[in-house]
Structures are given as structure tokens and as C-alpha cells.
Amino acid sequence: MTENDAGAYWSLRLEALQREPGAFQDSGAEHLRTTPADVAAFLRAGPEENFVLGAFVDGQMAGMAGFVRNQQLKVKHKGRVWGVYVTDSQRGKGIARALMEELLKRARTQEGLEQITLIVARGQTTARELYLRLGFESYGLEPQALKIDGAYIDDEYMMLRLR
């Protein structure tokens, strides 16, 4: 995605945070304090190793997935998937799989990248199953990782080894 997609990304991110609050660390209220201009600046900034992919159906943004590579020397061999979401009306059509396959394809071209991590909230079984089919393995669980209106959500940590 480029800065030209900032408005579409901002709107879909808000939808994701409001519809699936347990799947993301950010909240809709926090997102509302940002603007599409902030998103455009974010999409322009940073190393090219970091990127956000968007899926569009009939001109509407239907899904997204982000990747960020660690920049510190001791952890530069690792990258992280974040913000994966597909709008309700487009679920079950292979969009999340296509986004993740493209994300992994692009990540694999990065020299020295050895592993990719992600976090999936307990209860996000469809997402977890997709990640397992793509080769990710579970390596830990953080109990009570999120607290939303007094209820806790556990996070599962997953990793894909590239080398």
C-alpha cells in the first residue's frame, strides 16, 4: 500500500478494531485519535523492509496485513506480522490466505531474515488455523495479554522459521 491508500486503510483499521477488539492490541478509541494524514506519513516512513498489503474488491479495501522487520543488529534476523484483517463480507473467499502468502513471499526476499513471528488471540480459531497451514508453529502463550471491559484474552505466539 502507498500513502494514496491511507484513507481506505484508516477506515478498514477502525472497522477491524471495533469489530474484533480482542484480536488487536490497539483500540478503536486510540485509532480515532489518528487521521488518514497520520497513516499516509506512516506508509511513507521507515525502511522498505516494512510494508502493509491491502486487498481490494470492486474498488473497496477488503483486507490488510502488515510486516515489520526488526532493525537492531541483534534481532534483525526477525520480522513480525501484524494487523491482519478481512472485512466480514469478504471472509471465506481466500483473501487472508492470499495476503499472507504475498506477505511471506515478499518477506522471504529480504536478505538475512530467518524467522517471522505473529500473535493470535485465543478464540481467533480461523486465523490460527490459517497460520498453522502456512507453516507457523506455536511457541508460547501469554495469559491475560489483553483486558477489555474486565475480561481477559490470552495471546498465542507463533513463529515461522525461514532457514
C-alpha atoms as a PDB file:
ATOM      1  CA  MET A   1       0.000   0.000   0.000  1.00  0.00           C
ATOM      2  CA  THR A   2       1.072   3.571  -0.553  1.00  0.00           C
ATOM      3  CA  GLU A   3       0.141   6.872   1.006  1.00  0.00           C
ATOM      4  CA  ASN A   4      -2.621   7.139  -1.625  1.00  0.00           C
ATOM      5  CA  ASP A   5      -4.383   4.264   0.200  1.00  0.00           C
ATOM      6  CA  ALA A   6      -4.234   5.998   3.588  1.00  0.00           C
ATOM      7  CA  GLY A   7      -7.943   6.841   3.801  1.00  0.00           C
ATOM      8  CA  ALA A   8      -9.046   3.323   2.895  1.00  0.00           C
ATOM      9  CA  TYR A   9      -6.534   1.821   5.307  1.00  0.00           C
ATOM     10  CA  TRP A  10      -7.571   4.188   8.123  1.00  0.00           C
ATOM     11  CA  SER A  11     -11.254   3.229   7.692  1.00  0.00           C
ATOM     12  CA  LEU A  12     -10.627  -0.518   7.488  1.00  0.00           C
ATOM     13  CA  ARG A  13      -8.316  -0.405  10.507  1.00  0.00           C
ATOM     14  CA  LEU A  14     -11.046   1.346  12.500  1.00  0.00           C
ATOM     15  CA  GLU A  15     -13.540  -1.321  11.425  1.00  0.00           C
ATOM     16  CA  ALA A  16     -11.111  -4.055  12.484  1.00  0.00           C
ATOM     17  CA  LEU A  17     -10.502  -2.521  15.908  1.00  0.00           C
ATOM     18  CA  GLN A  18     -14.214  -2.010  16.547  1.00  0.00           C
ATOM     19  CA  ARG A  19     -15.462  -5.386  15.247  1.00  0.00           C
ATOM     20  CA  GLU A  20     -12.652  -7.547  16.631  1.00  0.00           C
ATOM     21  CA  PRO A  21     -11.368  -5.715  19.726  1.00  0.00           C
ATOM     22  CA  GLY A  22      -9.914  -8.910  21.194  1.00  0.00           C
ATOM     23  CA  ALA A  23      -7.741  -9.515  18.154  1.00  0.00           C
ATOM     24  CA  PHE A  24      -5.731  -6.283  18.343  1.00  0.00           C
ATOM     25  CA  GLN A  25      -3.703  -4.503  20.995  1.00  0.00           C
ATOM     26  CA  ASP A  26      -4.823  -1.079  19.757  1.00  0.00           C
ATOM     27  CA  SER A  27      -8.336   0.136  20.468  1.00  0.00           C
ATOM     28  CA  GLY A  28     -10.819   1.909  18.248  1.00  0.00           C
ATOM     29  CA  ALA A  29     -10.708   4.905  20.607  1.00  0.00           C
ATOM     30  CA  GLU A  30      -6.933   5.150  20.193  1.00  0.00           C
ATOM     31  CA  HIS A  31      -7.255   4.875  16.433  1.00  0.00           C
ATOM     32  CA  LEU A  32      -9.794   7.700  16.355  1.00  0.00           C
ATOM     33  CA  ARG A  33      -7.057   9.985  17.682  1.00  0.00           C
ATOM     34  CA  THR A  34      -5.176   9.468  14.412  1.00  0.00           C
ATOM     35  CA  THR A  35      -6.011  10.759  10.941  1.00  0.00           C
ATOM     36  CA  PRO A  36      -5.598   9.496   7.386  1.00  0.00           C
ATOM     37  CA  ALA A  37      -2.736  12.023   7.131  1.00  0.00           C
ATOM     38  CA  ASP A  38      -1.012  10.225  10.016  1.00  0.00           C
ATOM     39  CA  VAL A  39      -1.476   6.944   8.169  1.00  0.00           C
ATOM     40  CA  ALA A  40      -0.056   8.442   4.964  1.00  0.00           C
ATOM     41  CA  ALA A  41       3.031   9.554   6.880  1.00  0.00           C
ATOM     42  CA  PHE A  42       3.340   6.060   8.385  1.00  0.00           C
ATOM     43  CA  LEU A  43       3.080   4.422   4.961  1.00  0.00           C
ATOM     44  CA  ARG A  44       5.793   6.766   3.604  1.00  0.00           C
ATOM     45  CA  ALA A  45       8.181   6.344   6.517  1.00  0.00           C
ATOM     46  CA  GLY A  46      10.502   3.605   7.583  1.00  0.00           C
ATOM     47  CA  PRO A  47      12.685   1.077   5.847  1.00  0.00           C
ATOM     48  CA  GLU A  48      11.423  -0.613   2.705  1.00  0.00           C
ATOM     49  CA  GLU A  49      11.602  -3.892   4.605  1.00  0.00           C
ATOM     50  CA  ASN A  50       8.414  -2.792   6.395  1.00  0.00           C
ATOM     51  CA  PHE A  51       5.186  -2.814   4.421  1.00  0.00           C
ATOM     52  CA  VAL A  52       1.414  -3.049   4.543  1.00  0.00           C
ATOM     53  CA  LEU A  53      -0.538  -5.052   1.978  1.00  0.00           C
ATOM     54  CA  GLY A  54      -4.115  -4.319   1.049  1.00  0.00           C
ATOM     55  CA  ALA A  55      -6.685  -6.412  -0.790  1.00  0.00           C
ATOM     56  CA  PHE A  56      -9.299  -4.578  -2.828  1.00  0.00           C
ATOM     57  CA  VAL A  57     -12.598  -5.946  -4.142  1.00  0.00           C
ATOM     58  CA  ASP A  58     -14.594  -3.788  -6.553  1.00  0.00           C
ATOM     59  CA  GLY A  59     -12.531  -0.766  -5.576  1.00  0.00           C
ATOM     60  CA  GLN A  60     -13.154  -1.230  -1.844  1.00  0.00           C
ATOM     61  CA  MET A  61     -10.457  -2.259   0.596  1.00  0.00           C
ATOM     62  CA  ALA A  62     -11.430  -5.698   1.872  1.00  0.00           C
ATOM     63  CA  GLY A  63      -8.357  -6.840   3.776  1.00  0.00           C
ATOM     64  CA  MET A  64      -4.931  -5.892   5.062  1.00  0.00           C
ATOM     65  CA  ALA A  65      -1.774  -7.345   6.563  1.00  0.00           C
ATOM     66  CA  GLY A  66       1.383  -5.654   7.805  1.00  0.00           C
ATOM     67  CA  PHE A  67       5.006  -6.710   8.175  1.00  0.00           C
ATOM     68  CA  VAL A  68       7.763  -5.059  10.163  1.00  0.00           C
ATOM     69  CA  ARG A  69      11.382  -6.140  10.335  1.00  0.00           C
ATOM     70  CA  ASN A  70      13.430  -5.528  13.422  1.00  0.00           C
ATOM     71  CA  GLN A  71      16.209  -3.032  12.773  1.00  0.00           C
ATOM     72  CA  GLN A  72      18.526  -3.584  15.747  1.00  0.00           C
ATOM     73  CA  LEU A  73      21.557  -5.704  14.775  1.00  0.00           C
ATOM     74  CA  LYS A  74      20.963  -8.471  17.318  1.00  0.00           C
ATOM     75  CA  VAL A  75      17.353  -9.035  16.240  1.00  0.00           C
ATOM     76  CA  LYS A  76      17.479  -8.061  12.560  1.00  0.00           C
ATOM     77  CA  HIS A  77      17.079 -11.725  11.641  1.00  0.00           C
ATOM     78  CA  LYS A  78      13.442 -11.469  12.781  1.00  0.00           C
ATOM     79  CA  GLY A  79      10.309  -9.853  11.429  1.00  0.00           C
ATOM     80  CA  ARG A  80       6.705  -9.705  12.618  1.00  0.00           C
ATOM     81  CA  VAL A  81       3.278  -9.933  11.018  1.00  0.00           C
ATOM     82  CA  TRP A  82       0.700  -7.504  12.400  1.00  0.00           C
ATOM     83  CA  GLY A  83      -2.774  -6.140  11.712  1.00  0.00           C
ATOM     84  CA  VAL A  84      -4.218  -8.968   9.636  1.00  0.00           C
ATOM     85  CA  TYR A  85      -7.921  -8.388   8.986  1.00  0.00           C
ATOM     86  CA  VAL A  86     -10.554  -9.146   6.358  1.00  0.00           C
ATOM     87  CA  THR A  87     -13.936  -7.440   6.384  1.00  0.00           C
ATOM     88  CA  ASP A  88     -16.908  -9.673   7.255  1.00  0.00           C
ATOM     89  CA  SER A  89     -18.465  -9.621   3.786  1.00  0.00           C
ATOM     90  CA  GLN A  90     -15.268 -10.949   2.195  1.00  0.00           C
ATOM     91  CA  ARG A  91     -14.344 -13.662   4.698  1.00  0.00           C
ATOM     92  CA  GLY A  92     -14.154 -17.223   3.477  1.00  0.00           C
ATOM     93  CA  LYS A  93     -13.017 -16.167  -0.003  1.00  0.00           C
ATOM     94  CA  GLY A  94      -9.269 -16.740   0.432  1.00  0.00           C
ATOM     95  CA  ILE A  95      -8.324 -13.090   0.922  1.00  0.00           C
ATOM     96  CA  ALA A  96      -6.467 -13.602   4.207  1.00  0.00           C
ATOM     97  CA  ARG A  97      -4.587 -16.536   2.721  1.00  0.00           C
ATOM     98  CA  ALA A  98      -3.653 -14.511  -0.381  1.00  0.00           C
ATOM     99  CA  LEU A  99      -2.480 -11.586   1.768  1.00  0.00           C
ATOM    100  CA  MET A 100      -0.389 -13.855   3.980  1.00  0.00           C
ATOM    101  CA  GLU A 101       1.110 -15.744   1.031  1.00  0.00           C
ATOM    102  CA  GLU A 102       2.137 -12.451  -0.612  1.00  0.00           C
ATOM    103  CA  LEU A 103       3.473 -11.134   2.703  1.00  0.00           C
ATOM    104  CA  LEU A 104       5.586 -14.265   3.190  1.00  0.00           C
ATOM    105  CA  LYS A 105       6.786 -14.161  -0.423  1.00  0.00           C
ATOM    106  CA  ARG A 106       7.984 -10.568  -0.001  1.00  0.00           C
ATOM    107  CA  ALA A 107       9.491 -11.236   3.410  1.00  0.00           C
ATOM    108  CA  ARG A 108      11.454 -14.223   2.093  1.00  0.00           C
ATOM    109  CA  THR A 109      13.259 -11.945  -0.376  1.00  0.00           C
ATOM    110  CA  GLN A 110      14.826  -9.977   2.479  1.00  0.00           C
ATOM    111  CA  GLU A 111      18.438 -10.904   2.955  1.00  0.00           C
ATOM    112  CA  GLY A 112      19.255 -12.304   6.386  1.00  0.00           C
ATOM    113  CA  LEU A 113      15.634 -12.713   7.512  1.00  0.00           C
ATOM    114  CA  GLU A 114      15.390 -16.047   9.335  1.00  0.00           C
ATOM    115  CA  GLN A 115      12.106 -16.048  11.203  1.00  0.00           C
ATOM    116  CA  ILE A 116       8.721 -14.381  11.237  1.00  0.00           C
ATOM    117  CA  THR A 117       6.575 -14.115  14.331  1.00  0.00           C
ATOM    118  CA  LEU A 118       2.978 -13.175  14.965  1.00  0.00           C
ATOM    119  CA  ILE A 119       0.475 -13.082  17.790  1.00  0.00           C
ATOM    120  CA  VAL A 120      -3.002 -14.537  17.512  1.00  0.00           C
ATOM    121  CA  ALA A 121      -5.623 -14.018  20.195  1.00  0.00           C
ATOM    122  CA  ARG A 122      -7.176 -17.099  21.717  1.00  0.00           C
ATOM    123  CA  GLY A 123     -10.573 -17.512  20.141  1.00  0.00           C
ATOM    124  CA  GLN A 124      -9.389 -16.444  16.681  1.00  0.00           C
ATOM    125  CA  THR A 125      -9.502 -20.064  15.510  1.00  0.00           C
ATOM    126  CA  THR A 126      -9.865 -19.389  11.781  1.00  0.00           C
ATOM    127  CA  ALA A 127      -6.799 -17.139  11.796  1.00  0.00           C
ATOM    128  CA  ARG A 128      -4.829 -19.621  13.889  1.00  0.00           C
ATOM    129  CA  GLU A 129      -5.687 -22.471  11.515  1.00  0.00           C
ATOM    130  CA  LEU A 130      -4.530 -20.379   8.548  1.00  0.00           C
ATOM    131  CA  TYR A 131      -1.222 -19.610  10.242  1.00  0.00           C
ATOM    132  CA  LEU A 132      -0.691 -23.298  11.031  1.00  0.00           C
ATOM    133  CA  ARG A 133      -1.398 -24.243   7.383  1.00  0.00           C
ATOM    134  CA  LEU A 134       1.206 -21.665   6.311  1.00  0.00           C
ATOM    135  CA  GLY A 135       3.826 -23.352   8.493  1.00  0.00           C
ATOM    136  CA  PHE A 136       3.740 -21.250  11.658  1.00  0.00           C
ATOM    137  CA  GLU A 137       4.251 -23.090  14.937  1.00  0.00           C
ATOM    138  CA  SER A 138       3.148 -22.114  18.406  1.00  0.00           C
ATOM    139  CA  TYR A 139       5.926 -21.261  20.826  1.00  0.00           C
ATOM    140  CA  GLY A 140       4.149 -19.725  23.776  1.00  0.00           C
ATOM    141  CA  LEU A 141       1.049 -18.365  25.414  1.00  0.00           C
ATOM    142  CA  GLU A 142       0.642 -15.113  27.283  1.00  0.00           C
ATOM    143  CA  PRO A 143      -2.255 -15.434  29.714  1.00  0.00           C
ATOM    144  CA  GLN A 144      -4.338 -12.305  30.227  1.00  0.00           C
ATOM    145  CA  ALA A 145      -2.475 -10.435  27.469  1.00  0.00           C
ATOM    146  CA  LEU A 146      -5.391  -8.084  26.851  1.00  0.00           C
ATOM    147  CA  LYS A 147      -8.037  -6.753  29.206  1.00  0.00           C
ATOM    148  CA  ILE A 148     -11.231  -5.454  27.636  1.00  0.00           C
ATOM    149  CA  ASP A 149     -14.085  -4.298  29.865  1.00  0.00           C
ATOM    150  CA  GLY A 150     -12.832  -6.501  32.689  1.00  0.00           C
ATOM    151  CA  ALA A 151     -12.469  -9.646  30.537  1.00  0.00           C
ATOM    152  CA  TYR A 152      -9.068 -11.123  29.742  1.00  0.00           C
ATOM    153  CA  ILE A 153      -7.877 -12.518  26.427  1.00  0.00           C
ATOM    154  CA  ASP A 154      -4.867 -14.790  26.078  1.00  0.00           C
ATOM    155  CA  ASP A 155      -2.395 -14.339  23.214  1.00  0.00           C
ATOM    156  CA  GLU A 156      -0.652 -17.198  21.431  1.00  0.00           C
ATOM    157  CA  TYR A 157       2.794 -16.541  19.988  1.00  0.00           C
ATOM    158  CA  MET A 158       3.631 -18.234  16.684  1.00  0.00           C
ATOM    159  CA  MET A 159       6.778 -18.399  14.546  1.00  0.00           C
ATOM    160  CA  LEU A 160       7.747 -19.451  11.035  1.00  0.00           C
ATOM    161  CA  ARG A 161      11.387 -20.369  10.543  1.00  0.00           C
ATOM    162  CA  LEU A 162      12.664 -19.433   7.100  1.00  0.00           C
ATOM    163  CA  ARG A 163      16.113 -21.024   7.347  1.00  0.00           C
END
